[in-house]
């Protein structure tokens, strides 16, 4: 699953990247495997989207979010939190 598949309010953990062309600037900003995040909101047409992680917020372009492999955090009702 990719970050771009989540909806507002859903949470996940970054697992990796689809390709090696992932922007180094995002790695420097802490978008690293193992980081837990929450989708805060989407702009018009879902581009960009904003996530919250490690007491920070970051807006990502849709094409960047489509390259981030995630594991959704599932609650006891089998729904993504």
PDB file of N, CA and C in Angstrom:
ATOM      1  N   UNK A   1       0.857  -1.169   0.000  1.00  0.00           N
ATOM      2  CA  UNK A   1       0.000   0.000   0.000  1.00  0.00           C
ATOM      3  C   UNK A   1       0.901   1.230   0.000  1.00  0.00           C
ATOM      4  N   UNK A   2       0.381   2.305  -0.573  1.00  0.00           N
ATOM      5  CA  UNK A   2       1.162   3.537  -0.672  1.00  0.00           C
ATOM      6  C   UNK A   2       0.509   4.651   0.137  1.00  0.00           C
ATOM      7  N   UNK A   3       1.299   5.619   0.534  1.00  0.00           N
ATOM      8  CA  UNK A   3       0.805   6.747   1.318  1.00  0.00           C
ATOM      9  C   UNK A   3      -0.354   7.437   0.607  1.00  0.00           C
ATOM     10  N   UNK A   4      -0.309   7.506  -0.693  1.00  0.00           N
ATOM     11  CA  UNK A   4      -1.363   8.172  -1.458  1.00  0.00           C
ATOM     12  C   UNK A   4      -2.708   7.445  -1.365  1.00  0.00           C
ATOM     13  N   UNK A   5      -2.740   6.202  -0.884  1.00  0.00           N
ATOM     14  CA  UNK A   5      -3.980   5.431  -0.759  1.00  0.00           C
ATOM     15  C   UNK A   5      -4.762   5.747   0.512  1.00  0.00           C
ATOM     16  N   UNK A   6      -4.140   6.410   1.466  1.00  0.00           N
ATOM     17  CA  UNK A   6      -4.812   6.679   2.736  1.00  0.00           C
ATOM     18  C   UNK A   6      -5.753   7.860   2.622  1.00  0.00           C
ATOM     19  N   UNK A   7      -6.657   7.966   3.601  1.00  0.00           N
ATOM     20  CA  UNK A   7      -7.620   9.061   3.676  1.00  0.00           C
ATOM     21  C   UNK A   7      -7.273   9.942   4.872  1.00  0.00           C
ATOM     22  N   UNK A   8      -7.907  11.088   4.930  1.00  0.00           N
ATOM     23  CA  UNK A   8      -7.700  12.023   6.031  1.00  0.00           C
ATOM     24  C   UNK A   8      -7.940  11.326   7.369  1.00  0.00           C
ATOM     25  N   UNK A   9      -7.018  11.503   8.303  1.00  0.00           N
ATOM     26  CA  UNK A   9      -7.144  10.931   9.638  1.00  0.00           C
ATOM     27  C   UNK A   9      -6.561   9.538   9.792  1.00  0.00           C
ATOM     28  N   UNK A  10      -6.224   8.882   8.694  1.00  0.00           N
ATOM     29  CA  UNK A  10      -5.666   7.537   8.793  1.00  0.00           C
ATOM     30  C   UNK A  10      -4.174   7.599   9.109  1.00  0.00           C
ATOM     31  N   UNK A  11      -3.696   6.523   9.736  1.00  0.00           N
ATOM     32  CA  UNK A  11      -2.311   6.471  10.205  1.00  0.00           C
ATOM     33  C   UNK A  11      -1.579   5.289   9.596  1.00  0.00           C
ATOM     34  N   UNK A  12      -0.268   5.399   9.581  1.00  0.00           N
ATOM     35  CA  UNK A  12       0.531   4.314   9.048  1.00  0.00           C
ATOM     36  C   UNK A  12       1.984   4.414   9.471  1.00  0.00           C
ATOM     37  N   UNK A  13       2.770   3.462   9.003  1.00  0.00           N
ATOM     38  CA  UNK A  13       4.205   3.410   9.273  1.00  0.00           C
ATOM     39  C   UNK A  13       4.906   3.302   7.921  1.00  0.00           C
ATOM     40  N   UNK A  14       5.909   4.122   7.709  1.00  0.00           N
ATOM     41  CA  UNK A  14       6.667   4.089   6.461  1.00  0.00           C
ATOM     42  C   UNK A  14       7.512   2.819   6.436  1.00  0.00           C
ATOM     43  N   UNK A  15       7.414   2.079   5.337  1.00  0.00           N
ATOM     44  CA  UNK A  15       8.165   0.824   5.174  1.00  0.00           C
ATOM     45  C   UNK A  15       9.289   0.938   4.158  1.00  0.00           C
ATOM     46  N   UNK A  16       9.170   1.826   3.194  1.00  0.00           N
ATOM     47  CA  UNK A  16      10.211   1.953   2.180  1.00  0.00           C
ATOM     48  C   UNK A  16       9.718   2.802   1.026  1.00  0.00           C
ATOM     49  N   UNK A  17      10.398   2.640  -0.128  1.00  0.00           N
ATOM     50  CA  UNK A  17      10.118   3.467  -1.296  1.00  0.00           C
ATOM     51  C   UNK A  17      10.012   2.591  -2.533  1.00  0.00           C
ATOM     52  N   UNK A  18       9.150   3.010  -3.448  1.00  0.00           N
ATOM     53  CA  UNK A  18       8.899   2.239  -4.660  1.00  0.00           C
ATOM     54  C   UNK A  18      10.111   2.239  -5.580  1.00  0.00           C
ATOM     55  N   UNK A  19      10.809   3.354  -5.690  1.00  0.00           N
ATOM     56  CA  UNK A  19      11.972   3.421  -6.577  1.00  0.00           C
ATOM     57  C   UNK A  19      13.102   4.210  -5.937  1.00  0.00           C
ATOM     58  N   UNK A  20      14.257   4.140  -6.535  1.00  0.00           N
ATOM     59  CA  UNK A  20      15.444   4.798  -5.989  1.00  0.00           C
ATOM     60  C   UNK A  20      15.501   6.283  -6.314  1.00  0.00           C
ATOM     61  N   UNK A  21      14.560   6.779  -7.081  1.00  0.00           N
ATOM     62  CA  UNK A  21      14.540   8.186  -7.441  1.00  0.00           C
ATOM     63  C   UNK A  21      13.813   9.034  -6.397  1.00  0.00           C
ATOM     64  N   UNK A  22      13.638   8.497  -5.204  1.00  0.00           N
ATOM     65  CA  UNK A  22      12.966   9.219  -4.128  1.00  0.00           C
ATOM     66  C   UNK A  22      13.807  10.435  -3.749  1.00  0.00           C
ATOM     67  N   UNK A  23      13.202  11.621  -3.654  1.00  0.00           N
ATOM     68  CA  UNK A  23      13.976  12.838  -3.386  1.00  0.00           C
ATOM     69  C   UNK A  23      14.745  12.787  -2.055  1.00  0.00           C
ATOM     70  N   UNK A  24      16.024  13.063  -2.129  1.00  0.00           N
ATOM     71  CA  UNK A  24      16.879  13.051  -0.935  1.00  0.00           C
ATOM     72  C   UNK A  24      16.406  14.071   0.097  1.00  0.00           C
ATOM     73  N   UNK A  25      15.795  15.166  -0.363  1.00  0.00           N
ATOM     74  CA  UNK A  25      15.323  16.190   0.578  1.00  0.00           C
ATOM     75  C   UNK A  25      14.280  15.632   1.543  1.00  0.00           C
ATOM     76  N   UNK A  26      13.454  14.674   1.070  1.00  0.00           N
ATOM     77  CA  UNK A  26      12.453  14.080   1.954  1.00  0.00           C
ATOM     78  C   UNK A  26      13.104  13.156   2.983  1.00  0.00           C
ATOM     79  N   UNK A  27      14.154  12.483   2.585  1.00  0.00           N
ATOM     80  CA  UNK A  27      14.897  11.660   3.554  1.00  0.00           C
ATOM     81  C   UNK A  27      15.512  12.560   4.622  1.00  0.00           C
ATOM     82  N   UNK A  28      16.050  13.693   4.196  1.00  0.00           N
ATOM     83  CA  UNK A  28      16.644  14.637   5.145  1.00  0.00           C
ATOM     84  C   UNK A  28      15.612  15.224   6.100  1.00  0.00           C
ATOM     85  N   UNK A  29      14.357  15.304   5.645  1.00  0.00           N
ATOM     86  CA  UNK A  29      13.273  15.817   6.490  1.00  0.00           C
ATOM     87  C   UNK A  29      12.685  14.757   7.413  1.00  0.00           C
ATOM     88  N   UNK A  30      13.185  13.517   7.328  1.00  0.00           N
ATOM     89  CA  UNK A  30      12.750  12.474   8.256  1.00  0.00           C
ATOM     90  C   UNK A  30      11.724  11.505   7.724  1.00  0.00           C
ATOM     91  N   UNK A  31      11.475  11.489   6.423  1.00  0.00           N
ATOM     92  CA  UNK A  31      10.539  10.520   5.842  1.00  0.00           C
ATOM     93  C   UNK A  31      11.318   9.222   5.640  1.00  0.00           C
ATOM     94  N   UNK A  32      11.498   8.505   6.733  1.00  0.00           N
ATOM     95  CA  UNK A  32      12.352   7.317   6.776  1.00  0.00           C
ATOM     96  C   UNK A  32      11.558   6.082   7.191  1.00  0.00           C
ATOM     97  N   UNK A  33      12.015   4.897   6.809  1.00  0.00           N
ATOM     98  CA  UNK A  33      11.350   3.669   7.253  1.00  0.00           C
ATOM     99  C   UNK A  33      11.239   3.611   8.780  1.00  0.00           C
ATOM    100  N   UNK A  34      10.068   3.201   9.256  1.00  0.00           N
ATOM    101  CA  UNK A  34       9.822   3.085  10.690  1.00  0.00           C
ATOM    102  C   UNK A  34       9.104   4.275  11.294  1.00  0.00           C
ATOM    103  N   UNK A  35       8.996   5.369  10.557  1.00  0.00           N
ATOM    104  CA  UNK A  35       8.344   6.570  11.071  1.00  0.00           C
ATOM    105  C   UNK A  35       6.828   6.409  11.021  1.00  0.00           C
ATOM    106  N   UNK A  36       6.161   6.694  12.147  1.00  0.00           N
ATOM    107  CA  UNK A  36       4.700   6.666  12.213  1.00  0.00           C
ATOM    108  C   UNK A  36       4.187   8.049  11.821  1.00  0.00           C
ATOM    109  N   UNK A  37       3.070   8.080  11.111  1.00  0.00           N
ATOM    110  CA  UNK A  37       2.519   9.351  10.636  1.00  0.00           C
ATOM    111  C   UNK A  37       1.000   9.286  10.600  1.00  0.00           C
ATOM    112  N   UNK A  38       0.380  10.449  10.432  1.00  0.00           N
ATOM    113  CA  UNK A  38      -1.069  10.570  10.260  1.00  0.00           C
ATOM    114  C   UNK A  38      -1.323  11.535   9.113  1.00  0.00           C
ATOM    115  N   UNK A  39      -2.295  11.217   8.272  1.00  0.00           N
ATOM    116  CA  UNK A  39      -2.684  12.115   7.189  1.00  0.00           C
ATOM    117  C   UNK A  39      -3.575  13.199   7.793  1.00  0.00           C
ATOM    118  N   UNK A  40      -3.131  14.456   7.714  1.00  0.00           N
ATOM    119  CA  UNK A  40      -3.901  15.563   8.287  1.00  0.00           C
ATOM    120  C   UNK A  40      -4.966  16.079   7.337  1.00  0.00           C
ATOM    121  N   UNK A  41      -4.592  16.312   6.083  1.00  0.00           N
ATOM    122  CA  UNK A  41      -5.572  16.790   5.113  1.00  0.00           C
ATOM    123  C   UNK A  41      -5.048  16.657   3.694  1.00  0.00           C
ATOM    124  N   UNK A  42      -5.980  16.750   2.756  1.00  0.00           N
ATOM    125  CA  UNK A  42      -5.676  16.761   1.331  1.00  0.00           C
ATOM    126  C   UNK A  42      -6.101  18.111   0.779  1.00  0.00           C
ATOM    127  N   UNK A  43      -5.354  18.623  -0.147  1.00  0.00           N
ATOM    128  CA  UNK A  43      -5.745  19.832  -0.847  1.00  0.00           C
ATOM    129  C   UNK A  43      -6.703  19.450  -1.972  1.00  0.00           C
ATOM    130  N   UNK A  44      -7.109  20.416  -2.749  1.00  0.00           N
ATOM    131  CA  UNK A  44      -7.995  20.157  -3.883  1.00  0.00           C
ATOM    132  C   UNK A  44      -7.333  19.150  -4.814  1.00  0.00           C
ATOM    133  N   UNK A  45      -8.086  18.198  -5.299  1.00  0.00           N
ATOM    134  CA  UNK A  45      -7.619  17.135  -6.191  1.00  0.00           C
ATOM    135  C   UNK A  45      -6.551  16.245  -5.543  1.00  0.00           C
ATOM    136  N   UNK A  46      -6.505  16.225  -4.205  1.00  0.00           N
ATOM    137  CA  UNK A  46      -5.574  15.381  -3.439  1.00  0.00           C
ATOM    138  C   UNK A  46      -4.111  15.708  -3.726  1.00  0.00           C
ATOM    139  N   UNK A  47      -3.821  16.926  -4.099  1.00  0.00           N
ATOM    140  CA  UNK A  47      -2.437  17.297  -4.392  1.00  0.00           C
ATOM    141  C   UNK A  47      -2.212  18.740  -4.004  1.00  0.00           C
ATOM    142  N   UNK A  48      -1.435  19.025  -2.978  1.00  0.00           N
ATOM    143  CA  UNK A  48      -0.678  18.101  -2.144  1.00  0.00           C
ATOM    144  C   UNK A  48      -1.510  17.560  -0.984  1.00  0.00           C
ATOM    145  N   UNK A  49      -0.862  16.689  -0.204  1.00  0.00           N
ATOM    146  CA  UNK A  49      -1.457  16.190   1.028  1.00  0.00           C
ATOM    147  C   UNK A  49      -0.507  16.534   2.167  1.00  0.00           C
ATOM    148  N   UNK A  50      -1.034  16.588   3.364  1.00  0.00           N
ATOM    149  CA  UNK A  50      -0.218  16.960   4.522  1.00  0.00           C
ATOM    150  C   UNK A  50      -0.219  15.826   5.530  1.00  0.00           C
ATOM    151  N   UNK A  51       0.971  15.483   6.038  1.00  0.00           N
ATOM    152  CA  UNK A  51       1.079  14.454   7.061  1.00  0.00           C
ATOM    153  C   UNK A  51       1.726  15.045   8.307  1.00  0.00           C
ATOM    154  N   UNK A  52       1.445  14.425   9.439  1.00  0.00           N
ATOM    155  CA  UNK A  52       2.040  14.783  10.712  1.00  0.00           C
ATOM    156  C   UNK A  52       2.889  13.601  11.171  1.00  0.00           C
ATOM    157  N   UNK A  53       4.123  13.880  11.595  1.00  0.00           N
ATOM    158  CA  UNK A  53       5.025  12.834  12.068  1.00  0.00           C
ATOM    159  C   UNK A  53       6.066  13.454  12.980  1.00  0.00           C
ATOM    160  N   UNK A  54       6.493  12.755  13.986  1.00  0.00           N
ATOM    161  CA  UNK A  54       7.549  13.216  14.893  1.00  0.00           C
ATOM    162  C   UNK A  54       7.442  14.693  15.245  1.00  0.00           C
ATOM    163  N   UNK A  55       6.251  15.146  15.626  1.00  0.00           N
ATOM    164  CA  UNK A  55       6.005  16.541  16.007  1.00  0.00           C
ATOM    165  C   UNK A  55       6.259  17.521  14.869  1.00  0.00           C
ATOM    166  N   UNK A  56       6.160  17.060  13.644  1.00  0.00           N
ATOM    167  CA  UNK A  56       6.347  17.906  12.461  1.00  0.00           C
ATOM    168  C   UNK A  56       5.186  17.692  11.503  1.00  0.00           C
ATOM    169  N   UNK A  57       5.007  18.624  10.593  1.00  0.00           N
ATOM    170  CA  UNK A  57       4.035  18.498   9.514  1.00  0.00           C
ATOM    171  C   UNK A  57       4.771  18.695   8.202  1.00  0.00           C
ATOM    172  N   UNK A  58       4.299  18.005   7.167  1.00  0.00           N
ATOM    173  CA  UNK A  58       4.946  18.092   5.872  1.00  0.00           C
ATOM    174  C   UNK A  58       3.902  17.937   4.775  1.00  0.00           C
ATOM    175  N   UNK A  59       3.966  18.816   3.781  1.00  0.00           N
ATOM    176  CA  UNK A  59       3.112  18.694   2.603  1.00  0.00           C
ATOM    177  C   UNK A  59       3.888  17.933   1.542  1.00  0.00           C
ATOM    178  N   UNK A  60       3.243  16.937   0.959  1.00  0.00           N
ATOM    179  CA  UNK A  60       3.859  16.112  -0.076  1.00  0.00           C
ATOM    180  C   UNK A  60       3.047  16.183  -1.353  1.00  0.00           C
ATOM    181  N   UNK A  61       3.729  16.199  -2.483  1.00  0.00           N
ATOM    182  CA  UNK A  61       3.037  16.106  -3.763  1.00  0.00           C
ATOM    183  C   UNK A  61       2.484  14.688  -3.906  1.00  0.00           C
ATOM    184  N   UNK A  62       1.431  14.559  -4.682  1.00  0.00           N
ATOM    185  CA  UNK A  62       0.809  13.248  -4.885  1.00  0.00           C
ATOM    186  C   UNK A  62       1.809  12.261  -5.474  1.00  0.00           C
ATOM    187  N   UNK A  63       2.635  12.700  -6.419  1.00  0.00           N
ATOM    188  CA  UNK A  63       3.608  11.791  -7.035  1.00  0.00           C
ATOM    189  C   UNK A  63       4.654  11.321  -6.017  1.00  0.00           C
ATOM    190  N   UNK A  64       4.971  12.147  -5.023  1.00  0.00           N
ATOM    191  CA  UNK A  64       5.892  11.715  -3.962  1.00  0.00           C
ATOM    192  C   UNK A  64       5.205  10.699  -3.049  1.00  0.00           C
ATOM    193  N   UNK A  65       3.947  10.967  -2.695  1.00  0.00           N
ATOM    194  CA  UNK A  65       3.193  10.059  -1.822  1.00  0.00           C
ATOM    195  C   UNK A  65       2.963   8.703  -2.485  1.00  0.00           C
ATOM    196  N   UNK A  66       2.878   8.687  -3.813  1.00  0.00           N
ATOM    197  CA  UNK A  66       2.686   7.428  -4.542  1.00  0.00           C
ATOM    198  C   UNK A  66       3.943   6.563  -4.539  1.00  0.00           C
ATOM    199  N   UNK A  67       5.077   7.112  -4.127  1.00  0.00           N
ATOM    200  CA  UNK A  67       6.329   6.361  -4.077  1.00  0.00           C
ATOM    201  C   UNK A  67       6.705   5.909  -2.672  1.00  0.00           C
ATOM    202  N   UNK A  68       5.870   6.234  -1.678  1.00  0.00           N
ATOM    203  CA  UNK A  68       6.165   5.858  -0.291  1.00  0.00           C
ATOM    204  C   UNK A  68       5.330   4.634   0.073  1.00  0.00           C
ATOM    205  N   UNK A  69       6.009   3.525   0.335  1.00  0.00           N
ATOM    206  CA  UNK A  69       5.338   2.281   0.730  1.00  0.00           C
ATOM    207  C   UNK A  69       5.075   2.348   2.232  1.00  0.00           C
ATOM    208  N   UNK A  70       3.844   2.052   2.615  1.00  0.00           N
ATOM    209  CA  UNK A  70       3.472   2.146   4.032  1.00  0.00           C
ATOM    210  C   UNK A  70       2.760   0.881   4.491  1.00  0.00           C
ATOM    211  N   UNK A  71       2.691   0.750   5.797  1.00  0.00           N
ATOM    212  CA  UNK A  71       1.855  -0.270   6.431  1.00  0.00           C
ATOM    213  C   UNK A  71       0.811   0.488   7.236  1.00  0.00           C
ATOM    214  N   UNK A  72      -0.462   0.357   6.905  1.00  0.00           N
ATOM    215  CA  UNK A  72      -1.476   1.082   7.668  1.00  0.00           C
ATOM    216  C   UNK A  72      -1.570   0.554   9.091  1.00  0.00           C
ATOM    217  N   UNK A  73      -1.923   1.429  10.009  1.00  0.00           N
ATOM    218  CA  UNK A  73      -2.149   1.030  11.395  1.00  0.00           C
ATOM    219  C   UNK A  73      -3.628   0.678  11.508  1.00  0.00           C
ATOM    220  N   UNK A  74      -3.904  -0.567  11.885  1.00  0.00           N
ATOM    221  CA  UNK A  74      -5.263  -1.099  11.940  1.00  0.00           C
ATOM    222  C   UNK A  74      -5.733  -1.160  13.395  1.00  0.00           C
ATOM    223  N   UNK A  75      -6.977  -0.709  13.652  1.00  0.00           N
ATOM    224  CA  UNK A  75      -7.507  -0.786  15.020  1.00  0.00           C
ATOM    225  C   UNK A  75      -8.191  -2.133  15.250  1.00  0.00           C
ATOM    226  N   UNK A  76      -8.783  -2.306  16.395  1.00  0.00           N
ATOM    227  CA  UNK A  76      -9.396  -3.590  16.753  1.00  0.00           C
ATOM    228  C   UNK A  76     -10.620  -3.915  15.912  1.00  0.00           C
ATOM    229  N   UNK A  77     -11.190  -2.940  15.204  1.00  0.00           N
ATOM    230  CA  UNK A  77     -12.340  -3.163  14.324  1.00  0.00           C
ATOM    231  C   UNK A  77     -11.917  -3.424  12.886  1.00  0.00           C
ATOM    232  N   UNK A  78     -10.625  -3.718  12.685  1.00  0.00           N
ATOM    233  CA  UNK A  78     -10.055  -3.983  11.363  1.00  0.00           C
ATOM    234  C   UNK A  78     -10.208  -2.795  10.402  1.00  0.00           C
ATOM    235  N   UNK A  79     -10.182  -1.593  10.969  1.00  0.00           N
ATOM    236  CA  UNK A  79     -10.221  -0.379  10.161  1.00  0.00           C
ATOM    237  C   UNK A  79      -8.915   0.364  10.347  1.00  0.00           C
ATOM    238  N   UNK A  80      -8.512   1.089   9.309  1.00  0.00           N
ATOM    239  CA  UNK A  80      -7.297   1.897   9.430  1.00  0.00           C
ATOM    240  C   UNK A  80      -7.594   3.045  10.370  1.00  0.00           C
ATOM    241  N   UNK A  81      -6.751   3.221  11.409  1.00  0.00           N
ATOM    242  CA  UNK A  81      -6.960   4.310  12.366  1.00  0.00           C
ATOM    243  C   UNK A  81      -6.686   5.644  11.712  1.00  0.00           C
TER     244      UNK A  81
END
